[in-house]
């Protein structure tokens, strides 16, 4: 079985106050994009894991997802799993979380043991706040810790350049740089602006100000994306990747050619929910 774990960008991300459980309250709009890690599952007498890069121990989110599936499903996974990393780590693109979620979804078919929705959601949430989004895909709002996911209508009529500067920003450290607002946003009002097709001036990422102060080269990347014709450019997650959105493929392709002389860029597109699930699992 071949699994494709697609990256995401945060079109909007607002970090609010601390919750009673110690996590931050967030409001975010997430979008899957056409850039993926590949995960190969082969039958085996025992479980083993390998990866093209990154940890190959129990700390890897794929290994944690396998063990969580075993716990919830009440069975042992007999599979040889190999992860080929294409999505850069520590860039705000959700690669590790996508890997974990897609392995959890794929194991249900591989092991012929379907989890009920409550079991699945609990297992995904145990692996990380943004992991549940990758069981939804397309465009969705994330609230609470980001693990309460509300699908919204897909909009795939644009192209994306992702500039990846090769900087790793630990998420916990980025949160420590934030100055939090005194009160939270109303979720209905937050979602309404995206459903109404509002302009780029309303898109926000709470991490941009503190991250750009520490890494001014990222602010420069955003400026260059906007100068190249992007109608919306922003940091994704807590960084370090910065994306720009373009109205036509021709415009995005030209900008990618120009910007690739200075930055490491990837031309891609949003991945609607239907296509996301069609391409996720290949037997």
Protein backbone atom coordinates (compact mmCIF):
# COMPACT_ATOMS: atom_id res chain seq x y z
CA UNK A 1 0.00 0.00 0.00
CA UNK A 2 1.30 3.45 -0.93
CA UNK A 3 0.12 6.43 1.14
CA UNK A 4 0.50 10.09 0.25
CA UNK A 5 0.64 12.53 3.16
CA UNK A 6 -0.05 16.02 1.82
CA UNK A 7 1.25 19.27 3.30
CA UNK A 8 -0.88 22.18 4.46
CA UNK A 9 -0.68 25.92 4.68
CA UNK A 10 -2.44 28.19 7.19
CA UNK A 11 -4.35 30.80 5.23
CA UNK A 12 -5.12 32.54 8.52
CA UNK A 13 -3.87 31.84 12.04
CA UNK A 14 -4.80 33.71 15.22
CA UNK A 15 -3.45 32.67 18.60
CA UNK A 16 -5.60 33.73 21.54
CA UNK A 17 -5.19 33.28 25.29
CA UNK A 18 -4.13 30.23 27.26
CA UNK A 19 -6.80 27.61 27.92
CA UNK A 20 -7.36 25.95 31.31
CA UNK A 21 -5.61 22.84 29.95
CA UNK A 22 -2.44 24.83 29.29
CA UNK A 23 -2.79 24.90 25.50
CA UNK A 24 -3.41 28.06 23.47
CA UNK A 25 -6.81 28.81 21.98
CA UNK A 26 -6.45 29.23 18.23
CA UNK A 27 -8.53 30.16 15.20
CA UNK A 28 -7.10 29.02 11.89
CA UNK A 29 -8.02 28.32 8.29
CA UNK A 30 -6.07 25.37 6.90
CA UNK A 31 -5.67 24.20 3.30
CA UNK A 32 -4.07 21.02 1.96
CA UNK A 33 -1.67 21.54 -0.95
CA UNK A 34 -0.24 19.29 -3.65
CA UNK A 35 3.09 18.44 -2.00
CA UNK A 36 3.42 15.11 -0.23
CA UNK A 37 5.51 12.60 1.68
CA UNK A 38 5.26 8.97 0.55
CA UNK A 39 4.69 6.11 2.97
CA UNK A 40 5.03 2.51 1.85
CA UNK A 41 3.37 -0.31 3.82
CA UNK A 42 4.35 -3.92 3.08
CA UNK A 43 3.22 -7.08 4.89
CA UNK A 44 5.72 -8.46 7.38
CA UNK A 45 5.86 -10.84 10.31
CA UNK A 46 6.63 -7.94 12.65
CA UNK A 47 6.52 -4.14 12.67
CA UNK A 48 9.53 -2.19 11.44
CA UNK A 49 10.02 1.43 10.40
CA UNK A 50 12.56 3.27 8.28
CA UNK A 51 12.73 6.79 6.83
CA UNK A 52 14.73 8.65 4.22
CA UNK A 53 15.50 11.31 6.85
CA UNK A 54 14.56 12.30 10.37
CA UNK A 55 14.22 10.12 13.49
CA UNK A 56 13.61 6.41 12.94
CA UNK A 57 12.85 5.70 16.59
CA UNK A 58 9.76 5.71 18.77
CA UNK A 59 9.86 9.53 18.66
CA UNK A 60 8.80 9.60 15.01
CA UNK A 61 5.12 10.49 14.66
CA UNK A 62 4.60 7.57 12.26
CA UNK A 63 5.81 5.11 14.91
CA UNK A 64 3.65 6.82 17.52
CA UNK A 65 0.65 6.58 15.16
CA UNK A 66 1.23 2.84 14.68
CA UNK A 67 1.39 2.21 18.41
CA UNK A 68 -1.69 4.36 19.04
CA UNK A 69 -3.59 2.43 16.36
CA UNK A 70 -2.52 -0.84 17.99
CA UNK A 71 -3.74 0.40 21.38
CA UNK A 72 -7.14 1.57 20.14
CA UNK A 73 -7.72 -1.28 17.66
CA UNK A 74 -6.54 -3.96 20.09
CA UNK A 75 -4.23 -5.69 17.61
CA UNK A 76 -0.59 -5.85 16.56
CA UNK A 77 0.53 -4.23 13.33
CA UNK A 78 2.60 -6.57 11.17
CA UNK A 79 4.02 -4.28 8.53
CA UNK A 80 7.25 -2.89 7.17
CA UNK A 81 6.78 0.88 6.83
CA UNK A 82 9.11 3.19 4.94
CA UNK A 83 8.69 6.97 4.92
CA UNK A 84 10.12 9.06 2.09
CA UNK A 85 10.27 12.68 3.24
CA UNK A 86 9.67 15.41 0.70
CA UNK A 87 8.00 18.02 2.93
CA UNK A 88 10.63 19.92 4.94
CA UNK A 89 10.40 19.54 8.71
CA UNK A 90 10.01 22.48 11.06
CA UNK A 91 8.64 24.73 8.33
CA UNK A 92 4.96 25.05 9.34
CA UNK A 93 3.79 22.74 6.53
CA UNK A 94 2.48 19.98 8.78
CA UNK A 95 4.48 17.14 7.25
CA UNK A 96 4.92 15.12 10.44
CA UNK A 97 1.28 15.52 11.42
CA UNK A 98 0.14 14.53 7.94
CA UNK A 99 2.34 11.42 8.07
CA UNK A 100 0.80 10.37 11.38
CA UNK A 101 -2.81 10.96 10.31
CA UNK A 102 -2.46 9.21 6.96
CA UNK A 103 -0.77 6.19 8.54
CA UNK A 104 -3.66 5.97 11.00
CA UNK A 105 -6.17 6.10 8.12
CA UNK A 106 -4.20 3.66 5.98
CA UNK A 107 -3.79 1.10 8.75
CA UNK A 108 -7.55 0.76 9.01
CA UNK A 109 -7.62 -0.63 5.48
CA UNK A 110 -4.29 -2.45 5.72
CA UNK A 111 -5.32 -4.26 8.93
CA UNK A 112 -9.02 -4.53 8.03
CA UNK A 113 -9.98 -2.88 11.31
CA UNK A 114 -12.03 0.31 11.00
CA UNK A 115 -12.11 2.56 14.04
CA UNK A 116 -15.37 4.25 14.92
CA UNK A 117 -15.37 8.06 14.62
CA UNK A 118 -14.90 8.62 18.35
CA UNK A 119 -11.95 6.20 18.51
CA UNK A 120 -10.33 7.72 15.44
CA UNK A 121 -10.68 11.34 16.58
CA UNK A 122 -9.33 10.51 20.03
CA UNK A 123 -6.35 8.70 18.53
CA UNK A 124 -5.58 11.56 16.15
CA UNK A 125 -5.86 14.19 18.89
CA UNK A 126 -3.44 12.24 21.07
CA UNK A 127 -0.77 12.64 18.39
CA UNK A 128 -0.95 16.44 18.04
CA UNK A 129 -3.29 19.40 17.78
CA UNK A 130 -3.20 19.70 13.97
CA UNK A 131 -3.26 15.95 13.25
CA UNK A 132 -7.10 15.70 13.08
CA UNK A 133 -7.16 18.18 10.18
CA UNK A 134 -5.45 15.65 7.93
CA UNK A 135 -8.42 13.30 8.35
CA UNK A 136 -10.56 16.08 6.80
CA UNK A 137 -8.33 17.72 4.17
CA UNK A 138 -9.32 20.41 1.70
CA UNK A 139 -10.06 23.72 3.39
CA UNK A 140 -11.22 23.74 7.00
CA UNK A 141 -11.40 25.95 10.08
CA UNK A 142 -9.54 24.79 13.16
CA UNK A 143 -10.66 25.99 16.59
CA UNK A 144 -9.97 25.08 20.20
CA UNK A 145 -6.39 23.82 20.28
CA UNK A 146 -6.72 23.57 16.50
CA UNK A 147 -7.96 19.99 16.84
CA UNK A 148 -11.65 20.86 16.43
CA UNK A 149 -11.94 20.89 12.65
CA UNK A 150 -14.87 22.36 10.69
CA UNK A 151 -14.84 21.67 6.92
CA UNK A 152 -15.59 24.68 4.74
CA UNK A 153 -16.15 24.96 0.99
CA UNK A 154 -13.03 24.31 -1.08
CA UNK A 155 -11.62 27.11 -3.23
CA UNK A 156 -9.01 25.79 -5.66
CA UNK A 157 -8.96 28.55 -8.28
CA UNK A 158 -5.46 29.81 -7.53
CA UNK A 159 -1.81 28.71 -7.55
CA UNK A 160 0.75 28.73 -4.75
CA UNK A 161 4.45 29.34 -4.40
CA UNK A 162 5.99 28.04 -1.18
CA UNK A 163 9.37 29.53 -0.29
CA UNK A 164 11.28 27.32 2.14
CA UNK A 165 14.32 29.10 3.60
CA UNK A 166 15.90 26.12 5.36
CA UNK A 167 15.32 27.54 8.83
CA UNK A 168 13.80 25.35 11.56
CA UNK A 169 11.59 27.17 14.07
CA UNK A 170 10.50 25.01 17.04
CA UNK A 171 6.78 25.54 17.58
CA UNK A 172 7.01 25.74 21.37
CA UNK A 173 9.68 28.44 21.09
CA UNK A 174 7.58 30.43 18.62
CA UNK A 175 4.63 30.36 21.02
CA UNK A 176 6.87 31.81 23.75
CA UNK A 177 7.52 34.86 21.55
CA UNK A 178 3.83 35.80 21.26
CA UNK A 179 2.04 38.67 22.96
CA UNK A 180 -1.47 37.33 23.42
CA UNK A 181 -4.68 39.39 22.97
CA UNK A 182 -6.84 40.16 25.97
CA UNK A 183 -9.95 38.53 24.53
CA UNK A 184 -10.82 35.84 22.02
CA UNK A 185 -12.38 36.18 18.58
CA UNK A 186 -15.96 35.18 17.94
CA UNK A 187 -15.86 31.96 15.88
CA UNK A 188 -18.91 32.85 13.76
CA UNK A 189 -17.41 36.18 12.77
CA UNK A 190 -14.02 34.59 12.16
CA UNK A 191 -15.40 32.01 9.73
CA UNK A 192 -17.76 34.45 8.01
CA UNK A 193 -15.00 36.48 6.36
CA UNK A 194 -13.68 33.40 4.56
CA UNK A 195 -17.08 32.31 3.38
CA UNK A 196 -17.75 35.81 2.00
CA UNK A 197 -14.62 35.89 -0.17
CA UNK A 198 -13.07 38.88 1.56
CA UNK A 199 -9.80 40.44 0.45
CA UNK A 200 -6.23 39.75 1.44
CA UNK A 201 -6.09 42.68 3.84
CA UNK A 202 -8.05 40.63 6.36
CA UNK A 203 -5.70 37.62 6.46
CA UNK A 204 -3.66 37.38 9.67
CA UNK A 205 -0.94 35.18 11.15
CA UNK A 206 -0.19 35.94 14.79
CA UNK A 207 3.32 34.51 14.50
CA UNK A 208 4.47 36.86 11.75
CA UNK A 209 5.42 39.85 13.91
CA UNK A 210 7.59 37.99 16.44
CA UNK A 211 9.06 35.57 13.89
CA UNK A 212 9.89 38.32 11.38
CA UNK A 213 11.63 40.33 14.12
CA UNK A 214 13.94 37.39 14.76
CA UNK A 215 14.27 36.30 11.13
CA UNK A 216 14.02 39.42 8.93
CA UNK A 217 14.89 37.33 5.86
CA UNK A 218 11.41 35.77 6.12
CA UNK A 219 9.80 39.21 5.98
CA UNK A 220 11.90 39.86 2.89
CA UNK A 221 10.58 36.67 1.27
CA UNK A 222 7.00 37.78 1.92
CA UNK A 223 7.72 41.18 0.37
CA UNK A 224 9.26 39.55 -2.71
CA UNK A 225 6.24 37.27 -3.16
CA UNK A 226 3.90 40.27 -3.06
CA UNK A 227 6.11 42.19 -5.50
CA UNK A 228 6.02 39.22 -7.88
CA UNK A 229 2.23 39.42 -8.11
CA UNK A 230 0.90 37.37 -5.19
CA UNK A 231 -2.45 38.72 -3.97
CA UNK A 232 -1.87 37.13 -0.56
CA UNK A 233 1.42 36.14 1.07
CA UNK A 234 2.01 34.94 4.61
CA UNK A 235 3.98 32.78 6.98
CA UNK A 236 2.43 29.33 7.36
CA UNK A 237 2.02 28.01 10.89
CA UNK A 238 4.83 29.28 13.10
CA UNK A 239 7.16 29.15 10.09
CA UNK A 240 9.58 29.10 8.57
CA UNK A 241 7.97 28.55 5.14
CA UNK A 242 6.28 31.54 3.49
CA UNK A 243 3.68 31.14 0.74
CA UNK A 244 2.19 33.37 -1.91
CA UNK A 245 -1.11 32.90 -3.75
CA UNK A 246 -1.51 33.80 -7.43
CA UNK A 247 -4.63 34.01 -9.56
CA UNK A 248 -3.23 32.20 -12.63
CA UNK A 249 -0.78 29.40 -13.31
CA UNK A 250 1.12 31.54 -15.80
CA UNK A 251 1.62 34.29 -13.23
CA UNK A 252 2.73 31.82 -10.56
CA UNK A 253 5.08 29.99 -12.93
CA UNK A 254 6.80 33.22 -13.95
CA UNK A 255 7.14 34.30 -10.33
CA UNK A 256 8.58 30.89 -9.40
CA UNK A 257 11.20 31.17 -12.15
CA UNK A 258 12.18 34.65 -11.01
CA UNK A 259 12.23 33.89 -7.29
CA UNK A 260 14.10 30.57 -7.67
CA UNK A 261 17.22 32.60 -8.50
CA UNK A 262 17.25 33.76 -4.88
CA UNK A 263 15.06 31.41 -2.83
CA UNK A 264 14.24 27.71 -2.63
CA UNK A 265 10.69 27.72 -4.00
CA UNK A 266 8.04 25.19 -4.98
CA UNK A 267 5.13 25.82 -7.32
CA UNK A 268 2.01 23.96 -6.24
CA UNK A 269 -1.76 24.32 -5.91
CA UNK A 270 -4.49 23.83 -3.31
CA UNK A 271 -5.78 20.28 -3.02
CA UNK A 272 -9.59 20.04 -2.76
CA UNK A 273 -11.06 17.53 -0.33
CA UNK A 274 -12.33 15.09 -2.99
CA UNK A 275 -8.95 14.92 -4.75
CA UNK A 276 -7.19 14.70 -1.38
CA UNK A 277 -8.90 11.43 -0.50
CA UNK A 278 -8.72 10.03 -4.05
CA UNK A 279 -4.95 10.33 -4.04
CA UNK A 280 -4.23 9.49 -0.40
CA UNK A 281 -4.25 5.68 -0.59
CA UNK A 282 -3.07 3.50 -3.47
CA UNK A 283 -3.15 -0.27 -3.16
